[in-house]
Amino acid sequence: MILLLASMSMAWGESFHFSHRWNGEPLRESIKRREHFLALELDERTTMSPRGG
């Protein structure tokens, strides 16, 4: 298992996310843009979810 994780880490680095890239956009920037979008989506879902109580 550790060998698998090590090889995945070597292949994908610190981020396992995929994203579309704009023309001329570096891969790192496209991943950052996608991660920000996902964070906003998750925040909206947690704020809009009904809270028991």
PDB file of N, CA and C in Angstrom:
ATOM      1  N   MET A   1       0.824  -1.197   0.000  1.00  0.00           N
ATOM      2  CA  MET A   1       0.000   0.000   0.000  1.00  0.00           C
ATOM      3  C   MET A   1       0.870   1.264   0.000  1.00  0.00           C
ATOM      4  N   ILE A   2       1.927   1.237   0.788  1.00  0.00           N
ATOM      5  CA  ILE A   2       2.813   2.399   0.858  1.00  0.00           C
ATOM      6  C   ILE A   2       3.488   2.630  -0.490  1.00  0.00           C
ATOM      7  N   LEU A   3       3.855   1.549  -1.161  1.00  0.00           N
ATOM      8  CA  LEU A   3       4.471   1.678  -2.474  1.00  0.00           C
ATOM      9  C   LEU A   3       3.504   2.316  -3.472  1.00  0.00           C
ATOM     10  N   LEU A   4       2.245   1.908  -3.401  1.00  0.00           N
ATOM     11  CA  LEU A   4       1.223   2.491  -4.277  1.00  0.00           C
ATOM     12  C   LEU A   4       1.074   3.987  -4.014  1.00  0.00           C
ATOM     13  N   LEU A   5       0.984   4.367  -2.753  1.00  0.00           N
ATOM     14  CA  LEU A   5       0.845   5.787  -2.412  1.00  0.00           C
ATOM     15  C   LEU A   5       2.069   6.589  -2.825  1.00  0.00           C
ATOM     16  N   ALA A   6       3.239   5.998  -2.684  1.00  0.00           N
ATOM     17  CA  ALA A   6       4.472   6.688  -3.080  1.00  0.00           C
ATOM     18  C   ALA A   6       4.501   6.903  -4.588  1.00  0.00           C
ATOM     19  N   SER A   7       4.096   5.896  -5.351  1.00  0.00           N
ATOM     20  CA  SER A   7       4.110   6.056  -6.808  1.00  0.00           C
ATOM     21  C   SER A   7       3.038   7.040  -7.260  1.00  0.00           C
ATOM     22  N   MET A   8       1.882   7.051  -6.597  1.00  0.00           N
ATOM     23  CA  MET A   8       0.851   8.039  -6.924  1.00  0.00           C
ATOM     24  C   MET A   8       1.351   9.442  -6.617  1.00  0.00           C
ATOM     25  N   SER A   9       2.036   9.594  -5.502  1.00  0.00           N
ATOM     26  CA  SER A   9       2.579  10.895  -5.116  1.00  0.00           C
ATOM     27  C   SER A   9       3.609  11.380  -6.124  1.00  0.00           C
ATOM     28  N   MET A  10       4.422  10.477  -6.632  1.00  0.00           N
ATOM     29  CA  MET A  10       5.414  10.855  -7.634  1.00  0.00           C
ATOM     30  C   MET A  10       4.744  11.257  -8.945  1.00  0.00           C
ATOM     31  N   ALA A  11       3.662  10.575  -9.296  1.00  0.00           N
ATOM     32  CA  ALA A  11       2.988  10.844 -10.563  1.00  0.00           C
ATOM     33  C   ALA A  11       2.157  12.123 -10.514  1.00  0.00           C
ATOM     34  N   TRP A  12       1.423  12.327  -9.417  1.00  0.00           N
ATOM     35  CA  TRP A  12       0.498  13.447  -9.358  1.00  0.00           C
ATOM     36  C   TRP A  12       0.949  14.577  -8.454  1.00  0.00           C
ATOM     37  N   GLY A  13       1.976  14.400  -7.700  1.00  0.00           N
ATOM     38  CA  GLY A  13       2.428  15.460  -6.812  1.00  0.00           C
ATOM     39  C   GLY A  13       1.509  15.616  -5.617  1.00  0.00           C
ATOM     40  N   GLU A  14       1.329  16.836  -5.173  1.00  0.00           N
ATOM     41  CA  GLU A  14       0.550  17.073  -3.955  1.00  0.00           C
ATOM     42  C   GLU A  14      -0.941  17.171  -4.205  1.00  0.00           C
ATOM     43  N   SER A  15      -1.378  17.250  -5.436  1.00  0.00           N
ATOM     44  CA  SER A  15      -2.798  17.402  -5.737  1.00  0.00           C
ATOM     45  C   SER A  15      -3.261  16.307  -6.687  1.00  0.00           C
ATOM     46  N   PHE A  16      -4.361  15.683  -6.339  1.00  0.00           N
ATOM     47  CA  PHE A  16      -4.931  14.621  -7.164  1.00  0.00           C
ATOM     48  C   PHE A  16      -6.071  15.162  -8.025  1.00  0.00           C
ATOM     49  N   HIS A  17      -6.273  16.466  -8.018  1.00  0.00           N
ATOM     50  CA  HIS A  17      -7.369  17.067  -8.774  1.00  0.00           C
ATOM     51  C   HIS A  17      -7.021  17.222 -10.247  1.00  0.00           C
ATOM     52  N   PHE A  18      -8.062  17.168 -11.061  1.00  0.00           N
ATOM     53  CA  PHE A  18      -7.936  17.428 -12.482  1.00  0.00           C
ATOM     54  C   PHE A  18      -8.772  18.654 -12.802  1.00  0.00           C
ATOM     55  N   SER A  19      -8.404  19.389 -13.819  1.00  0.00           N
ATOM     56  CA  SER A  19      -9.199  20.561 -14.182  1.00  0.00           C
ATOM     57  C   SER A  19      -8.968  20.908 -15.649  1.00  0.00           C
ATOM     58  N   HIS A  20      -9.946  21.621 -16.202  1.00  0.00           N
ATOM     59  CA  HIS A  20      -9.789  22.124 -17.561  1.00  0.00           C
ATOM     60  C   HIS A  20      -8.849  23.313 -17.522  1.00  0.00           C
ATOM     61  N   ARG A  21      -8.093  23.476 -18.571  1.00  0.00           N
ATOM     62  CA  ARG A  21      -7.145  24.594 -18.627  1.00  0.00           C
ATOM     63  C   ARG A  21      -7.557  25.564 -19.717  1.00  0.00           C
ATOM     64  N   TRP A  22      -7.478  26.843 -19.404  1.00  0.00           N
ATOM     65  CA  TRP A  22      -7.679  27.870 -20.406  1.00  0.00           C
ATOM     66  C   TRP A  22      -6.455  27.897 -21.303  1.00  0.00           C
ATOM     67  N   ASN A  23      -6.603  28.435 -22.482  1.00  0.00           N
ATOM     68  CA  ASN A  23      -5.491  28.522 -23.425  1.00  0.00           C
ATOM     69  C   ASN A  23      -4.343  29.323 -22.802  1.00  0.00           C
ATOM     70  N   GLY A  24      -3.184  28.706 -22.683  1.00  0.00           N
ATOM     71  CA  GLY A  24      -2.018  29.368 -22.113  1.00  0.00           C
ATOM     72  C   GLY A  24      -1.955  29.359 -20.596  1.00  0.00           C
ATOM     73  N   GLU A  25      -2.927  28.765 -19.924  1.00  0.00           N
ATOM     74  CA  GLU A  25      -2.947  28.734 -18.461  1.00  0.00           C
ATOM     75  C   GLU A  25      -2.049  27.597 -17.950  1.00  0.00           C
ATOM     76  N   PRO A  26      -1.173  27.885 -17.007  1.00  0.00           N
ATOM     77  CA  PRO A  26      -0.328  26.827 -16.442  1.00  0.00           C
ATOM     78  C   PRO A  26      -1.172  25.818 -15.653  1.00  0.00           C
ATOM     79  N   LEU A  27      -0.702  24.596 -15.596  1.00  0.00           N
ATOM     80  CA  LEU A  27      -1.432  23.540 -14.894  1.00  0.00           C
ATOM     81  C   LEU A  27      -1.671  23.908 -13.439  1.00  0.00           C
ATOM     82  N   ARG A  28      -0.658  24.424 -12.754  1.00  0.00           N
ATOM     83  CA  ARG A  28      -0.786  24.793 -11.344  1.00  0.00           C
ATOM     84  C   ARG A  28      -1.916  25.804 -11.129  1.00  0.00           C
ATOM     85  N   GLU A  29      -2.023  26.795 -12.021  1.00  0.00           N
ATOM     86  CA  GLU A  29      -3.079  27.805 -11.893  1.00  0.00           C
ATOM     87  C   GLU A  29      -4.462  27.213 -12.141  1.00  0.00           C
ATOM     88  N   SER A  30      -4.577  26.303 -13.106  1.00  0.00           N
ATOM     89  CA  SER A  30      -5.877  25.694 -13.374  1.00  0.00           C
ATOM     90  C   SER A  30      -6.331  24.843 -12.192  1.00  0.00           C
ATOM     91  N   ILE A  31      -5.412  24.140 -11.550  1.00  0.00           N
ATOM     92  CA  ILE A  31      -5.760  23.339 -10.378  1.00  0.00           C
ATOM     93  C   ILE A  31      -6.165  24.247  -9.223  1.00  0.00           C
ATOM     94  N   LYS A  32      -5.441  25.348  -9.042  1.00  0.00           N
ATOM     95  CA  LYS A  32      -5.784  26.292  -7.978  1.00  0.00           C
ATOM     96  C   LYS A  32      -7.184  26.873  -8.209  1.00  0.00           C
ATOM     97  N   ARG A  33      -7.477  27.240  -9.462  1.00  0.00           N
ATOM     98  CA  ARG A  33      -8.800  27.789  -9.797  1.00  0.00           C
ATOM     99  C   ARG A  33      -9.891  26.774  -9.492  1.00  0.00           C
ATOM    100  N   ARG A  34      -9.665  25.513  -9.852  1.00  0.00           N
ATOM    101  CA  ARG A  34     -10.648  24.458  -9.611  1.00  0.00           C
ATOM    102  C   ARG A  34     -10.834  24.204  -8.114  1.00  0.00           C
ATOM    103  N   GLU A  35      -9.754  24.205  -7.358  1.00  0.00           N
ATOM    104  CA  GLU A  35      -9.868  23.984  -5.922  1.00  0.00           C
ATOM    105  C   GLU A  35     -10.634  25.116  -5.239  1.00  0.00           C
ATOM    106  N   HIS A  36     -10.447  26.335  -5.690  1.00  0.00           N
ATOM    107  CA  HIS A  36     -11.214  27.467  -5.139  1.00  0.00           C
ATOM    108  C   HIS A  36     -12.691  27.307  -5.460  1.00  0.00           C
ATOM    109  N   PHE A  37     -12.998  26.900  -6.686  1.00  0.00           N
ATOM    110  CA  PHE A  37     -14.388  26.682  -7.075  1.00  0.00           C
ATOM    111  C   PHE A  37     -15.020  25.590  -6.209  1.00  0.00           C
ATOM    112  N   LEU A  38     -14.320  24.481  -6.021  1.00  0.00           N
ATOM    113  CA  LEU A  38     -14.854  23.398  -5.198  1.00  0.00           C
ATOM    114  C   LEU A  38     -15.072  23.844  -3.752  1.00  0.00           C
ATOM    115  N   ALA A  39     -14.164  24.633  -3.216  1.00  0.00           N
ATOM    116  CA  ALA A  39     -14.317  25.134  -1.852  1.00  0.00           C
ATOM    117  C   ALA A  39     -15.552  26.017  -1.730  1.00  0.00           C
ATOM    118  N   LEU A  40     -15.785  26.871  -2.720  1.00  0.00           N
ATOM    119  CA  LEU A  40     -16.982  27.710  -2.697  1.00  0.00           C
ATOM    120  C   LEU A  40     -18.248  26.873  -2.794  1.00  0.00           C
ATOM    121  N   GLU A  41     -18.238  25.856  -3.649  1.00  0.00           N
ATOM    122  CA  GLU A  41     -19.395  24.975  -3.789  1.00  0.00           C
ATOM    123  C   GLU A  41     -19.688  24.252  -2.471  1.00  0.00           C
ATOM    124  N   LEU A  42     -18.673  23.738  -1.826  1.00  0.00           N
ATOM    125  CA  LEU A  42     -18.876  23.039  -0.558  1.00  0.00           C
ATOM    126  C   LEU A  42     -19.380  23.990   0.523  1.00  0.00           C
ATOM    127  N   ASP A  43     -18.873  25.209   0.550  1.00  0.00           N
ATOM    128  CA  ASP A  43     -19.317  26.190   1.530  1.00  0.00           C
ATOM    129  C   ASP A  43     -20.786  26.531   1.331  1.00  0.00           C
ATOM    130  N   GLU A  44     -21.208  26.706   0.080  1.00  0.00           N
ATOM    131  CA  GLU A  44     -22.609  27.013  -0.197  1.00  0.00           C
ATOM    132  C   GLU A  44     -23.510  25.861   0.218  1.00  0.00           C
ATOM    133  N   ARG A  45     -23.079  24.648  -0.005  1.00  0.00           N
ATOM    134  CA  ARG A  45     -23.894  23.492   0.381  1.00  0.00           C
ATOM    135  C   ARG A  45     -24.047  23.398   1.887  1.00  0.00           C
ATOM    136  N   THR A  46     -22.984  23.677   2.629  1.00  0.00           N
ATOM    137  CA  THR A  46     -23.082  23.565   4.085  1.00  0.00           C
ATOM    138  C   THR A  46     -23.896  24.708   4.673  1.00  0.00           C
ATOM    139  N   THR A  47     -23.858  25.875   4.068  1.00  0.00           N
ATOM    140  CA  THR A  47     -24.640  27.001   4.592  1.00  0.00           C
ATOM    141  C   THR A  47     -26.109  26.858   4.238  1.00  0.00           C
ATOM    142  N   MET A  48     -26.402  26.218   3.129  1.00  0.00           N
ATOM    143  CA  MET A  48     -27.790  26.085   2.694  1.00  0.00           C
ATOM    144  C   MET A  48     -28.462  24.841   3.266  1.00  0.00           C
ATOM    145  N   SER A  49     -27.714  23.932   3.867  1.00  0.00           N
ATOM    146  CA  SER A  49     -28.315  22.712   4.382  1.00  0.00           C
ATOM    147  C   SER A  49     -29.114  23.021   5.642  1.00  0.00           C
ATOM    148  N   PRO A  50     -30.271  22.358   5.795  1.00  0.00           N
ATOM    149  CA  PRO A  50     -31.087  22.600   6.999  1.00  0.00           C
ATOM    150  C   PRO A  50     -30.376  22.067   8.242  1.00  0.00           C
ATOM    151  N   ARG A  51     -30.461  22.820   9.294  1.00  0.00           N
ATOM    152  CA  ARG A  51     -29.816  22.406  10.542  1.00  0.00           C
ATOM    153  C   ARG A  51     -30.890  21.987  11.551  1.00  0.00           C
ATOM    154  N   GLY A  52     -30.658  20.844  12.087  1.00  0.00           N
ATOM    155  CA  GLY A  52     -31.618  20.366  13.103  1.00  0.00           C
ATOM    156  C   GLY A  52     -31.437  21.088  14.420  1.00  0.00           C
ATOM    157  N   GLY A  53     -32.496  21.152  15.168  1.00  0.00           N
ATOM    158  CA  GLY A  53     -32.256  21.776  16.444  1.00  0.00           C
ATOM    159  C   GLY A  53     -33.438  22.362  17.014  1.00  0.00           C
TER     160      GLY A  53
END
